[in-house]
């Protein structure tokens, strides 16, 4: 009985977190559309390319698990974060961004290839979210799947925030501060009408 009550409470928290997920998605999309159309196209095609690969050709789960193992090795000295970090940090996306940022310090010509890096950023980000969801769902024994929904919402928020922060470093037009401000504003715009209706 106690477990069911805890599951219901977790599900309530997951529902309360949903407006933030929606708000942060719209904020990221809004900032992304400020960039050049070609860059946005490469980002979009990175997402679709992974989904096509995953659904029609091959599920590269082994690559995701190797990425999780890398994160576990990095955080092995801080045990409480090992399992959380392996799900929250999209390691291949981060490596792609770090490689680009480091190489861009060595040569200005790399800016001509930024869209290819953006393609792989979105490709690996989609891979991380899809396999994190699949892995968490297979472990979920809760009848309401409250842990799964709550964890996936947090993973999504953390991942999108990481990408927004990285894009702030790569593109002059992309502002993490505007992204954060707009996310807060969109969240407020969703919560206030609901709150007013209830009270």
Protein backbone atom coordinates (compact mmCIF):
# COMPACT_ATOMS: atom_id res chain seq x y z
CA UNK A 1 0.00 0.00 0.00
CA UNK A 2 2.83 2.39 0.94
CA UNK A 3 4.56 1.70 -2.38
CA UNK A 4 1.40 2.60 -4.28
CA UNK A 5 1.08 5.89 -2.38
CA UNK A 6 4.74 6.73 -3.13
CA UNK A 7 4.15 5.87 -6.81
CA UNK A 8 1.12 8.19 -6.93
CA UNK A 9 3.15 11.02 -5.33
CA UNK A 10 5.98 10.50 -7.82
CA UNK A 11 3.49 10.56 -10.67
CA UNK A 12 2.09 13.86 -9.36
CA UNK A 13 5.63 15.32 -9.36
CA UNK A 14 6.13 14.00 -12.90
CA UNK A 15 2.91 15.73 -14.01
CA UNK A 16 4.03 18.96 -12.32
CA UNK A 17 7.35 18.74 -14.17
CA UNK A 18 5.64 18.31 -17.55
CA UNK A 19 4.97 22.06 -18.10
CA UNK A 20 8.71 22.70 -17.59
CA UNK A 21 9.51 20.09 -20.26
CA UNK A 22 7.07 21.78 -22.66
CA UNK A 23 8.39 25.25 -21.80
CA UNK A 24 12.05 24.33 -22.24
CA UNK A 25 11.27 22.62 -25.58
CA UNK A 26 9.57 25.71 -26.98
CA UNK A 27 12.38 27.92 -25.65
CA UNK A 28 15.06 25.78 -27.29
CA UNK A 29 13.12 25.67 -30.55
CA UNK A 30 12.73 29.45 -30.46
CA UNK A 31 16.47 29.99 -29.96
CA UNK A 32 17.34 27.36 -32.56
CA UNK A 33 15.27 29.17 -35.18
CA UNK A 34 17.42 32.26 -34.72
CA UNK A 35 20.32 30.34 -36.31
CA UNK A 36 20.84 29.92 -40.05
CA UNK A 37 18.31 27.71 -41.84
CA UNK A 38 21.07 25.33 -42.95
CA UNK A 39 22.23 24.80 -39.35
CA UNK A 40 18.66 24.11 -38.22
CA UNK A 41 18.26 21.65 -41.12
CA UNK A 42 21.42 19.75 -40.12
CA UNK A 43 20.22 19.60 -36.50
CA UNK A 44 16.82 18.30 -37.63
CA UNK A 45 18.35 15.74 -40.00
CA UNK A 46 20.59 14.48 -37.21
CA UNK A 47 17.46 13.59 -35.22
CA UNK A 48 15.67 11.97 -38.17
CA UNK A 49 18.80 10.08 -39.27
CA UNK A 50 19.11 8.38 -35.91
CA UNK A 51 15.40 7.54 -35.80
CA UNK A 52 15.57 6.04 -39.31
CA UNK A 53 18.67 4.03 -38.34
CA UNK A 54 17.05 2.88 -35.09
CA UNK A 55 13.68 1.86 -36.53
CA UNK A 56 14.66 0.51 -39.96
CA UNK A 57 18.27 -0.65 -39.92
CA UNK A 58 20.04 -1.20 -36.60
CA UNK A 59 19.69 -0.41 -32.91
CA UNK A 60 23.16 0.79 -31.82
CA UNK A 61 22.54 0.01 -28.15
CA UNK A 62 26.08 -1.30 -27.71
CA UNK A 63 27.43 2.17 -28.55
CA UNK A 64 25.16 3.75 -25.93
CA UNK A 65 26.28 1.23 -23.29
CA UNK A 66 29.94 1.89 -24.07
CA UNK A 67 29.22 5.59 -23.59
CA UNK A 68 27.61 4.86 -20.22
CA UNK A 69 30.71 2.87 -19.27
CA UNK A 70 32.94 5.85 -20.12
CA UNK A 71 30.84 8.11 -17.87
CA UNK A 72 30.97 5.53 -15.06
CA UNK A 73 34.79 5.45 -15.32
CA UNK A 74 34.96 9.27 -15.22
CA UNK A 75 32.74 9.44 -12.12
CA UNK A 76 34.03 6.29 -10.39
CA UNK A 77 35.61 8.38 -7.62
CA UNK A 78 32.22 9.85 -6.74
CA UNK A 79 29.99 6.80 -6.40
CA UNK A 80 26.62 8.54 -5.75
CA UNK A 81 26.81 10.23 -9.17
CA UNK A 82 27.88 7.20 -11.21
CA UNK A 83 24.45 5.84 -12.12
CA UNK A 84 22.79 9.25 -12.41
CA UNK A 85 25.55 10.71 -14.59
CA UNK A 86 25.53 7.76 -16.99
CA UNK A 87 21.89 8.53 -17.81
CA UNK A 88 21.98 12.33 -17.58
CA UNK A 89 25.18 13.07 -19.51
CA UNK A 90 25.05 12.46 -23.28
CA UNK A 91 28.74 11.55 -23.51
CA UNK A 92 29.04 11.31 -27.32
CA UNK A 93 27.24 14.64 -27.75
CA UNK A 94 29.58 16.23 -25.22
CA UNK A 95 32.66 14.71 -26.89
CA UNK A 96 31.51 16.01 -30.29
CA UNK A 97 31.05 19.51 -28.84
CA UNK A 98 34.39 19.44 -27.00
CA UNK A 99 36.24 18.28 -30.13
CA UNK A 100 34.65 21.07 -32.14
CA UNK A 101 35.42 23.74 -29.54
CA UNK A 102 39.04 22.59 -29.18
CA UNK A 103 39.63 22.37 -32.94
CA UNK A 104 37.97 25.75 -33.51
CA UNK A 105 40.65 27.30 -31.27
CA UNK A 106 43.33 25.94 -33.61
CA UNK A 107 41.79 26.97 -36.92
CA UNK A 108 39.11 29.43 -37.98
CA UNK A 109 38.44 27.30 -41.08
CA UNK A 110 36.57 24.78 -38.91
CA UNK A 111 33.58 27.14 -38.84
CA UNK A 112 32.89 26.00 -42.41
CA UNK A 113 32.23 22.50 -41.03
CA UNK A 114 30.14 23.50 -38.02
CA UNK A 115 26.93 22.10 -39.53
CA UNK A 116 28.45 18.60 -39.76
CA UNK A 117 29.26 18.75 -36.06
CA UNK A 118 25.72 19.98 -35.33
CA UNK A 119 24.36 16.98 -37.26
CA UNK A 120 26.30 14.58 -35.00
CA UNK A 121 25.37 16.57 -31.89
CA UNK A 122 21.65 16.03 -32.57
CA UNK A 123 22.24 12.45 -33.79
CA UNK A 124 24.02 11.45 -30.56
CA UNK A 125 21.61 13.45 -28.38
CA UNK A 126 18.66 11.56 -29.88
CA UNK A 127 20.51 8.26 -29.42
CA UNK A 128 21.14 9.07 -25.77
CA UNK A 129 17.52 10.01 -25.01
CA UNK A 130 16.07 7.00 -26.88
CA UNK A 131 18.32 4.43 -25.20
CA UNK A 132 18.10 6.08 -21.78
CA UNK A 133 14.31 5.78 -22.09
CA UNK A 134 14.55 2.17 -23.26
CA UNK A 135 16.94 1.22 -20.45
CA UNK A 136 14.92 2.93 -17.71
CA UNK A 137 11.65 1.49 -19.00
CA UNK A 138 13.01 -2.05 -18.89
CA UNK A 139 13.99 -1.59 -15.22
CA UNK A 140 10.68 -0.04 -14.18
CA UNK A 141 8.55 -2.28 -11.96
CA UNK A 142 6.27 0.47 -10.64
CA UNK A 143 2.72 -0.05 -11.88
CA UNK A 144 2.30 3.68 -12.65
CA UNK A 145 5.81 4.01 -14.13
CA UNK A 146 6.22 7.19 -12.07
CA UNK A 147 9.99 6.76 -11.68
CA UNK A 148 10.36 6.34 -15.43
CA UNK A 149 8.37 9.46 -16.36
CA UNK A 150 10.06 11.61 -13.71
CA UNK A 151 13.58 10.39 -14.63
CA UNK A 152 13.02 10.90 -18.36
CA UNK A 153 11.74 14.42 -17.81
CA UNK A 154 14.85 15.28 -15.78
CA UNK A 155 17.15 13.68 -18.37
CA UNK A 156 15.46 15.64 -21.14
CA UNK A 157 15.73 18.95 -19.25
CA UNK A 158 19.40 18.39 -18.37
CA UNK A 159 20.30 17.31 -21.92
CA UNK A 160 18.57 20.25 -23.60
CA UNK A 161 20.17 22.67 -21.12
CA UNK A 162 23.63 21.23 -21.89
CA UNK A 163 23.08 21.66 -25.64
CA UNK A 164 21.79 25.21 -25.11
CA UNK A 165 24.89 26.05 -23.08
CA UNK A 166 27.19 24.59 -25.75
CA UNK A 167 25.37 26.39 -28.59
CA UNK A 168 25.83 29.62 -26.66
CA UNK A 169 29.60 29.06 -26.99
CA UNK A 170 29.47 28.07 -30.67
CA UNK A 171 26.95 30.54 -32.13
CA UNK A 172 26.87 34.28 -31.52
CA UNK A 173 23.10 34.37 -32.12
CA UNK A 174 22.21 31.63 -29.64
CA UNK A 175 21.81 32.99 -26.10
CA UNK A 176 21.65 30.64 -23.12
CA UNK A 177 20.42 33.53 -20.99
CA UNK A 178 17.51 34.14 -23.38
CA UNK A 179 16.85 30.40 -23.48
CA UNK A 180 16.69 30.27 -19.67
CA UNK A 181 14.60 33.45 -19.41
CA UNK A 182 12.15 32.24 -22.04
CA UNK A 183 11.91 28.82 -20.35
CA UNK A 184 10.95 30.49 -17.06
CA UNK A 185 8.44 32.74 -18.82
CA UNK A 186 6.87 29.83 -20.75
CA UNK A 187 6.64 27.76 -17.57
CA UNK A 188 4.89 30.64 -15.81
CA UNK A 189 2.52 31.07 -18.77
CA UNK A 190 1.54 27.40 -18.50
CA UNK A 191 1.25 27.21 -14.71
CA UNK A 192 -0.62 30.48 -14.07
CA UNK A 193 -3.81 29.67 -16.06
CA UNK A 194 -3.93 26.20 -14.45
CA UNK A 195 -3.43 27.71 -10.98
CA UNK A 196 -6.10 30.35 -11.63
CA UNK A 197 -8.56 27.70 -12.80
CA UNK A 198 -7.98 25.57 -9.71
CA UNK A 199 -8.04 28.40 -7.20
